[in-house]
Structure formats: C-alpha cells, structure tokens
C-alpha cells in the first residue's frame, strides 16, 4: 500500500482491506462496544479502540463522551497511529460503533480513516481470514498521532437547542421509533421518554441492508431527503449516547451533505431530569 494511496471513501469493502493488511502505516481498529466488545474473533492484526473504556471521558457520568485532546492523543498513539497513517475501523455488529470511532478521529483532525463496510460479519461472509481472541490493547510501537480538535464537530445541548430553533437546521434522532415516541423504555435508567421537540426520527438501522452493510448511496439519500428538505443547513445527529448518531453522520456524508455535527451527550444528557423540553409521539417522523 502506498502511504498516500487515497481511500476509496468513508467506507471500504472487505477485499480492499484484505489486499492491504500488514502494509506500513495501516492500522486496523476494532471499536466494538457493549456485548460485542469481547468477541472471540478479530480481523488479523486488529487493535482495540476502546469506546467503553480509555477512549471515553472518565470525568463525566455520561457514557461514550469524547475525551479531551491530551487523553485522546495519548490513547490513539498507543494504537500505533501516525498523523500520516491510514486507519480502517470496524465493529463486530456490522456498522454500529465503528462509525463513532471514525467520527472521533475526524473530529480530531485525522481524515485518513474509513469504516469497514459490514464490519466483522461482512469480513467473515466474504470468506476472509480471522484471528482468534479479542484485539490487543496496544501496538508494539507507539504512533505519532496528535489530536487537533475541529470546532463544531461535537456539540452540547445549547447548540442542539439553537439548531432546533433554526429553520435551516435539522436535528435527526437515530433511536428506534418507539424510543423516539416515548412508547418504549430507555435502556438507561433515570431518563425521560420521548424526543426533543422539533427533532425528526431516522433510526440508524434503516440505513443498513439485511447483512449490516450500508445501503446504496441513492437509497441513503432517499431516506434523508424527506427529512432534511432540498437545501438543508446544518444537520445535527443524536441518539442514546452519541454512538449510532455517528451512523447517521456517516450516511449523510455518503449522501453528499455537509455541515454535520454530533450531539455528544445525546439522550443520555437531554433525557435526564431537567428543564430541557421533551415531546412524545411520532410528530417528528417527518419534517
């Protein structure tokens, strides 16, 4: 692999990665979370991008929040990533938390990163080799990565409230339709049910096909179009804890939208008891 070979896009197919495994400068990261975190198999040579652990902010009660630049730099260097390198990130669910890892790296100024389309299930379905055991936590040689945070890629509740009041902006919620409507319980205790008044609902799973791969770009664009209109302004993505919001961000990028942001705290923040408004029902299924 030429160190400056351009990535084919935000997604790479399994055979593209297979042909380049082991080449200098390429780092493969497993960003699985929750029950998928300790899968017994991995892409050969993959290292753990630990969103459930070291790669979340330890100083907040909110899950899966972006750490500060110093911590992110330190932890990503342990994975052997250089500023001039290339990263392919996957998860063992298909396309789920890998999109979060890619967004974190891009929000930190690192652009040579792509998601493995279909994740580990897609890799195995293609008949490609796997290694047994969970991924290692550190590379043999540290990298020289330095985080250079980009303003506005991650936003808080204040920015979300302003987007909700802005007729040119759209807030898209990646949770299931039942959670959005408040008819299904939240998986985290102590949160109110429902959604942000004015948000629209696009469950992240609707962007994926039956094999867990991203749908064709034309189909993805067709899912966004009725929700964001012909000429959208800023798109802000939210979910339960800022993970699957990044699947929507990935889909929006593939569909050609710009000016994207992710609400880092997402419903784990907004849904806490507070004065932040909450609506119930399906009024936000369409704009």
Protein backbone atom coordinates (compact mmCIF):
# COMPACT_ATOMS: atom_id res chain seq x y z
CA UNK A 1 0.00 0.00 0.00
CA UNK A 2 1.29 3.40 -0.97
CA UNK A 3 1.24 5.50 2.24
CA UNK A 4 -0.60 8.25 0.36
CA UNK A 5 -2.94 6.00 -1.59
CA UNK A 6 -6.34 7.66 -1.37
CA UNK A 7 -9.08 5.84 0.47
CA UNK A 8 -11.97 4.82 -1.77
CA UNK A 9 -14.32 6.75 0.50
CA UNK A 10 -15.72 6.77 4.03
CA UNK A 11 -16.43 3.04 3.61
CA UNK A 12 -14.07 0.34 2.39
CA UNK A 13 -15.13 -3.16 1.29
CA UNK A 14 -13.59 -6.21 2.94
CA UNK A 15 -11.42 -7.24 -0.02
CA UNK A 16 -9.92 -3.76 -0.29
CA UNK A 17 -8.70 -4.10 3.27
CA UNK A 18 -7.60 -7.73 2.84
CA UNK A 19 -5.29 -6.76 -0.03
CA UNK A 20 -3.57 -4.18 2.19
CA UNK A 21 -3.30 -5.88 5.58
CA UNK A 22 0.17 -5.68 7.06
CA UNK A 23 1.37 -2.77 4.94
CA UNK A 24 3.30 0.02 6.69
CA UNK A 25 1.18 2.85 8.04
CA UNK A 26 -2.11 0.94 8.02
CA UNK A 27 -3.77 0.36 11.40
CA UNK A 28 -6.94 -1.72 11.81
CA UNK A 29 -9.07 -0.96 14.86
CA UNK A 30 -11.93 -2.88 16.45
CA UNK A 31 -14.29 -0.32 18.01
CA UNK A 32 -16.91 -2.77 19.29
CA UNK A 33 -18.90 -1.78 22.38
CA UNK A 34 -21.10 -3.47 24.94
CA UNK A 35 -21.88 -7.13 24.37
CA UNK A 36 -19.87 -7.06 21.12
CA UNK A 37 -16.70 -5.81 22.80
CA UNK A 38 -15.12 -9.16 23.66
CA UNK A 39 -15.84 -11.13 20.52
CA UNK A 40 -13.73 -14.27 20.18
CA UNK A 41 -12.53 -13.37 16.67
CA UNK A 42 -10.95 -10.36 15.01
CA UNK A 43 -9.60 -9.11 11.70
CA UNK A 44 -5.92 -10.16 11.68
CA UNK A 45 -3.77 -7.63 13.50
CA UNK A 46 -6.68 -5.53 14.76
CA UNK A 47 -6.23 -3.46 17.92
CA UNK A 48 -8.93 -2.34 20.33
CA UNK A 49 -10.34 1.19 20.04
CA UNK A 50 -11.99 1.09 23.45
CA UNK A 51 -15.00 3.39 23.40
CA UNK A 52 -16.31 1.68 26.54
CA UNK A 53 -13.05 2.39 28.35
CA UNK A 54 -9.98 4.52 27.74
CA UNK A 55 -11.42 6.33 24.71
CA UNK A 56 -14.27 7.95 26.59
CA UNK A 57 -14.06 10.86 29.01
CA UNK A 58 -13.61 9.42 32.55
CA UNK A 59 -14.62 12.71 34.19
CA UNK A 60 -18.29 12.74 33.18
CA UNK A 61 -21.17 10.48 34.21
CA UNK A 62 -22.38 10.41 30.61
CA UNK A 63 -21.42 7.33 28.58
CA UNK A 64 -19.31 7.38 25.44
CA UNK A 65 -18.30 11.03 25.54
CA UNK A 66 -15.29 12.42 23.71
CA UNK A 67 -12.16 12.71 25.90
CA UNK A 68 -10.01 15.81 25.84
CA UNK A 69 -7.29 16.19 23.21
CA UNK A 70 -4.44 15.18 25.53
CA UNK A 71 -6.09 11.92 26.55
CA UNK A 72 -7.22 11.13 23.02
CA UNK A 73 -3.71 11.76 21.69
CA UNK A 74 -2.17 9.51 24.33
CA UNK A 75 -4.60 6.63 23.80
CA UNK A 76 -4.54 6.74 19.99
CA UNK A 77 -0.74 6.81 19.98
CA UNK A 78 -0.81 3.54 21.94
CA UNK A 79 -2.58 2.03 18.95
CA UNK A 80 0.33 2.83 16.63
CA UNK A 81 -1.48 5.54 14.67
CA UNK A 82 0.67 8.21 12.97
CA UNK A 83 -0.54 11.52 11.61
CA UNK A 84 0.47 10.33 8.13
CA UNK A 85 -1.00 6.84 8.52
CA UNK A 86 -4.28 5.24 7.48
CA UNK A 87 -6.90 3.71 9.78
CA UNK A 88 -9.69 1.27 9.00
CA UNK A 89 -12.12 0.77 11.85
CA UNK A 90 -14.76 -1.92 12.24
CA UNK A 91 -17.03 -3.46 14.84
CA UNK A 92 -18.43 -6.92 15.34
CA UNK A 93 -22.07 -5.82 14.94
CA UNK A 94 -21.81 -4.67 11.29
CA UNK A 95 -21.89 -0.87 11.12
CA UNK A 96 -22.55 0.37 14.62
CA UNK A 97 -19.86 1.78 16.91
CA UNK A 98 -17.18 1.84 14.18
CA UNK A 99 -18.85 4.97 12.82
CA UNK A 100 -18.35 6.60 16.23
CA UNK A 101 -14.63 5.83 16.19
CA UNK A 102 -14.28 7.29 12.71
CA UNK A 103 -16.14 10.45 13.74
CA UNK A 104 -13.90 10.85 16.81
CA UNK A 105 -10.77 10.63 14.68
CA UNK A 106 -12.08 13.03 12.07
CA UNK A 107 -13.23 15.45 14.76
CA UNK A 108 -9.63 15.34 15.98
CA UNK A 109 -8.25 16.40 12.61
CA UNK A 110 -7.42 12.94 11.22
CA UNK A 111 -9.03 12.29 7.83
CA UNK A 112 -7.38 9.10 6.54
CA UNK A 113 -9.90 6.85 8.27
CA UNK A 114 -12.67 4.66 6.88
CA UNK A 115 -15.22 2.19 8.21
CA UNK A 116 -15.11 -1.44 7.09
CA UNK A 117 -18.46 -1.95 5.35
CA UNK A 118 -20.37 -4.73 7.09
CA UNK A 119 -17.84 -4.97 9.91
CA UNK A 120 -16.56 -8.33 11.08
CA UNK A 121 -19.73 -10.14 9.90
CA UNK A 122 -19.13 -8.81 6.39
CA UNK A 123 -15.46 -9.76 6.58
CA UNK A 124 -16.32 -13.35 7.56
CA UNK A 125 -19.14 -13.57 4.99
CA UNK A 126 -16.54 -12.76 2.32
CA UNK A 127 -14.55 -15.82 3.43
CA UNK A 128 -11.60 -13.78 4.69
CA UNK A 129 -9.26 -14.96 7.48
CA UNK A 130 -9.75 -14.13 11.14
CA UNK A 131 -7.62 -14.45 14.24
CA UNK A 132 -8.91 -15.96 17.47
CA UNK A 133 -9.24 -13.90 20.61
CA UNK A 134 -10.09 -10.28 21.39
CA UNK A 135 -7.97 -7.48 19.91
CA UNK A 136 -4.85 -6.28 21.70
CA UNK A 137 -4.96 -3.02 23.64
CA UNK A 138 -1.68 -1.59 22.35
CA UNK A 139 0.55 -1.73 19.28
CA UNK A 140 4.15 -2.96 19.60
CA UNK A 141 5.41 0.52 18.65
CA UNK A 142 3.54 3.72 19.62
CA UNK A 143 2.48 6.10 16.88
CA UNK A 144 2.97 9.82 16.47
CA UNK A 145 -0.68 10.89 16.23
CA UNK A 146 -1.65 14.29 17.63
CA UNK A 147 -5.27 15.34 18.13
CA UNK A 148 -6.16 18.69 16.57
CA UNK A 149 -9.83 19.16 17.54
CA UNK A 150 -12.15 20.72 15.00
CA UNK A 151 -14.73 23.17 16.28
CA UNK A 152 -18.36 22.20 15.97
CA UNK A 153 -18.00 18.51 15.17
CA UNK A 154 -19.23 17.58 18.63
CA UNK A 155 -21.87 19.82 20.19
CA UNK A 156 -23.67 20.15 23.52
CA UNK A 157 -27.27 20.75 24.50
CA UNK A 158 -27.04 24.51 23.93
CA UNK A 159 -26.01 24.09 20.31
CA UNK A 160 -28.74 21.49 19.83
CA UNK A 161 -31.36 23.85 21.25
CA UNK A 162 -30.21 26.55 18.81
CA UNK A 163 -30.40 24.08 15.91
CA UNK A 164 -33.94 23.09 16.92
CA UNK A 165 -34.93 26.77 16.74
CA UNK A 166 -33.18 27.34 13.40
CA UNK A 167 -35.44 26.73 10.39
CA UNK A 168 -32.40 25.98 8.24
CA UNK A 169 -31.02 23.30 10.58
CA UNK A 170 -32.32 19.79 11.22
CA UNK A 171 -31.81 17.58 14.28
CA UNK A 172 -32.04 13.88 13.41
CA UNK A 173 -32.52 11.23 16.09
CA UNK A 174 -31.08 7.77 15.34
CA UNK A 175 -33.00 5.89 18.05
CA UNK A 176 -35.82 3.43 17.34
CA UNK A 177 -39.24 4.83 16.56
CA UNK A 178 -40.60 3.55 19.87
CA UNK A 179 -37.90 5.27 21.92
CA UNK A 180 -38.35 8.45 19.89
CA UNK A 181 -42.10 8.39 20.56
CA UNK A 182 -41.61 7.53 24.22
CA UNK A 183 -43.58 4.27 23.93
CA UNK A 184 -40.51 2.07 24.53
CA UNK A 185 -38.42 2.33 27.70
CA UNK A 186 -34.97 3.83 27.58
CA UNK A 187 -32.22 1.24 28.20
CA UNK A 188 -30.52 3.58 30.70
CA UNK A 189 -32.30 4.28 33.96
CA UNK A 190 -33.44 7.70 35.09
CA UNK A 191 -34.12 9.13 31.64
CA UNK A 192 -37.36 10.66 30.43
CA UNK A 193 -39.03 9.07 27.43
CA UNK A 194 -39.61 10.87 24.16
CA UNK A 195 -37.61 13.24 21.98
CA UNK A 196 -36.50 16.84 21.51
CA UNK A 197 -39.39 18.98 20.21
CA UNK A 198 -38.69 19.69 16.56
CA UNK A 199 -36.32 16.75 16.01
CA UNK A 200 -37.01 14.19 13.28
CA UNK A 201 -36.54 10.44 13.53
CA UNK A 202 -34.35 8.29 11.28
CA UNK A 203 -33.46 5.03 13.06
CA UNK A 204 -29.88 4.19 12.16
CA UNK A 205 -30.77 0.61 11.23
CA UNK A 206 -32.83 1.84 8.28
CA UNK A 207 -29.58 2.91 6.58
CA UNK A 208 -28.31 -0.69 6.61
CA UNK A 209 -29.21 -3.70 4.49
CA UNK A 210 -30.03 -7.18 5.82
CA UNK A 211 -26.32 -8.04 6.02
CA UNK A 212 -25.44 -4.98 8.10
CA UNK A 213 -23.83 -3.07 5.23
CA UNK A 214 -24.64 0.49 4.25
CA UNK A 215 -27.38 0.70 1.66
CA UNK A 216 -26.51 2.11 -1.79
CA UNK A 217 -25.93 5.86 -1.76
CA UNK A 218 -29.09 6.59 -3.75
CA UNK A 219 -31.18 4.74 -1.16
CA UNK A 220 -29.46 6.51 1.72
CA UNK A 221 -30.07 9.86 0.06
CA UNK A 222 -33.71 8.90 -0.37
CA UNK A 223 -34.04 8.31 3.37
CA UNK A 224 -32.59 11.71 4.25
CA UNK A 225 -34.29 13.81 1.59
CA UNK A 226 -37.85 13.93 3.00
CA UNK A 227 -36.50 14.75 6.46
CA UNK A 228 -33.99 17.48 5.64
CA UNK A 229 -35.51 19.12 2.58
CA UNK A 230 -33.94 20.21 -0.67
CA UNK A 231 -31.33 22.65 0.63
CA UNK A 232 -30.57 21.87 4.26
CA UNK A 233 -28.39 23.90 6.55
CA UNK A 234 -26.66 22.25 9.48
CA UNK A 235 -27.53 18.64 10.31
CA UNK A 236 -27.15 17.62 13.97
CA UNK A 237 -27.31 13.95 14.88
CA UNK A 238 -28.37 12.48 18.21
CA UNK A 239 -29.13 9.02 19.63
CA UNK A 240 -28.89 7.39 23.04
CA UNK A 241 -25.25 8.04 23.89
CA UNK A 242 -23.64 9.53 20.77
CA UNK A 243 -22.74 6.21 19.11
CA UNK A 244 -25.38 5.44 16.48
CA UNK A 245 -25.78 9.16 15.79
CA UNK A 246 -22.45 8.71 14.01
CA UNK A 247 -24.00 6.09 11.71
CA UNK A 248 -26.38 8.81 10.53
CA UNK A 249 -23.44 11.20 10.17
CA UNK A 250 -21.65 8.61 8.05
CA UNK A 251 -24.73 8.11 5.90
CA UNK A 252 -25.21 11.85 5.48
CA UNK A 253 -21.61 12.23 4.36
CA UNK A 254 -22.04 9.44 1.82
CA UNK A 255 -25.24 11.12 0.60
CA UNK A 256 -23.37 14.35 -0.04
CA UNK A 257 -24.50 16.51 2.88
CA UNK A 258 -22.11 18.89 4.62
CA UNK A 259 -22.05 20.93 7.84
CA UNK A 260 -22.62 17.93 10.12
CA UNK A 261 -22.42 17.68 13.91
CA UNK A 262 -22.97 15.02 16.59
CA UNK A 263 -24.58 15.71 19.96
CA UNK A 264 -22.03 14.03 22.20
CA UNK A 265 -24.24 13.52 25.25
CA UNK A 266 -27.32 12.72 23.14
CA UNK A 267 -30.37 11.41 25.03
CA UNK A 268 -28.20 10.37 28.00
CA UNK A 269 -27.79 14.11 28.52
CA UNK A 270 -31.01 15.67 27.19
CA UNK A 271 -33.24 12.97 28.67
CA UNK A 272 -32.07 13.48 32.25
CA UNK A 273 -34.48 15.25 34.61
CA UNK A 274 -34.06 18.93 33.73
CA UNK A 275 -35.81 21.91 32.17
CA UNK A 276 -34.88 20.78 28.67
CA UNK A 277 -38.16 20.16 26.82
CA UNK A 278 -39.31 16.68 25.82
CA UNK A 279 -42.08 15.71 23.38
CA UNK A 280 -43.79 12.37 22.95
CA UNK A 281 -45.48 10.70 19.99
CA UNK A 282 -44.48 10.40 16.34
CA UNK A 283 -44.86 14.04 15.28
CA UNK A 284 -41.20 14.14 14.32
CA UNK A 285 -41.18 11.22 11.90
CA UNK A 286 -41.29 13.75 9.07
CA UNK A 287 -40.28 17.37 8.94
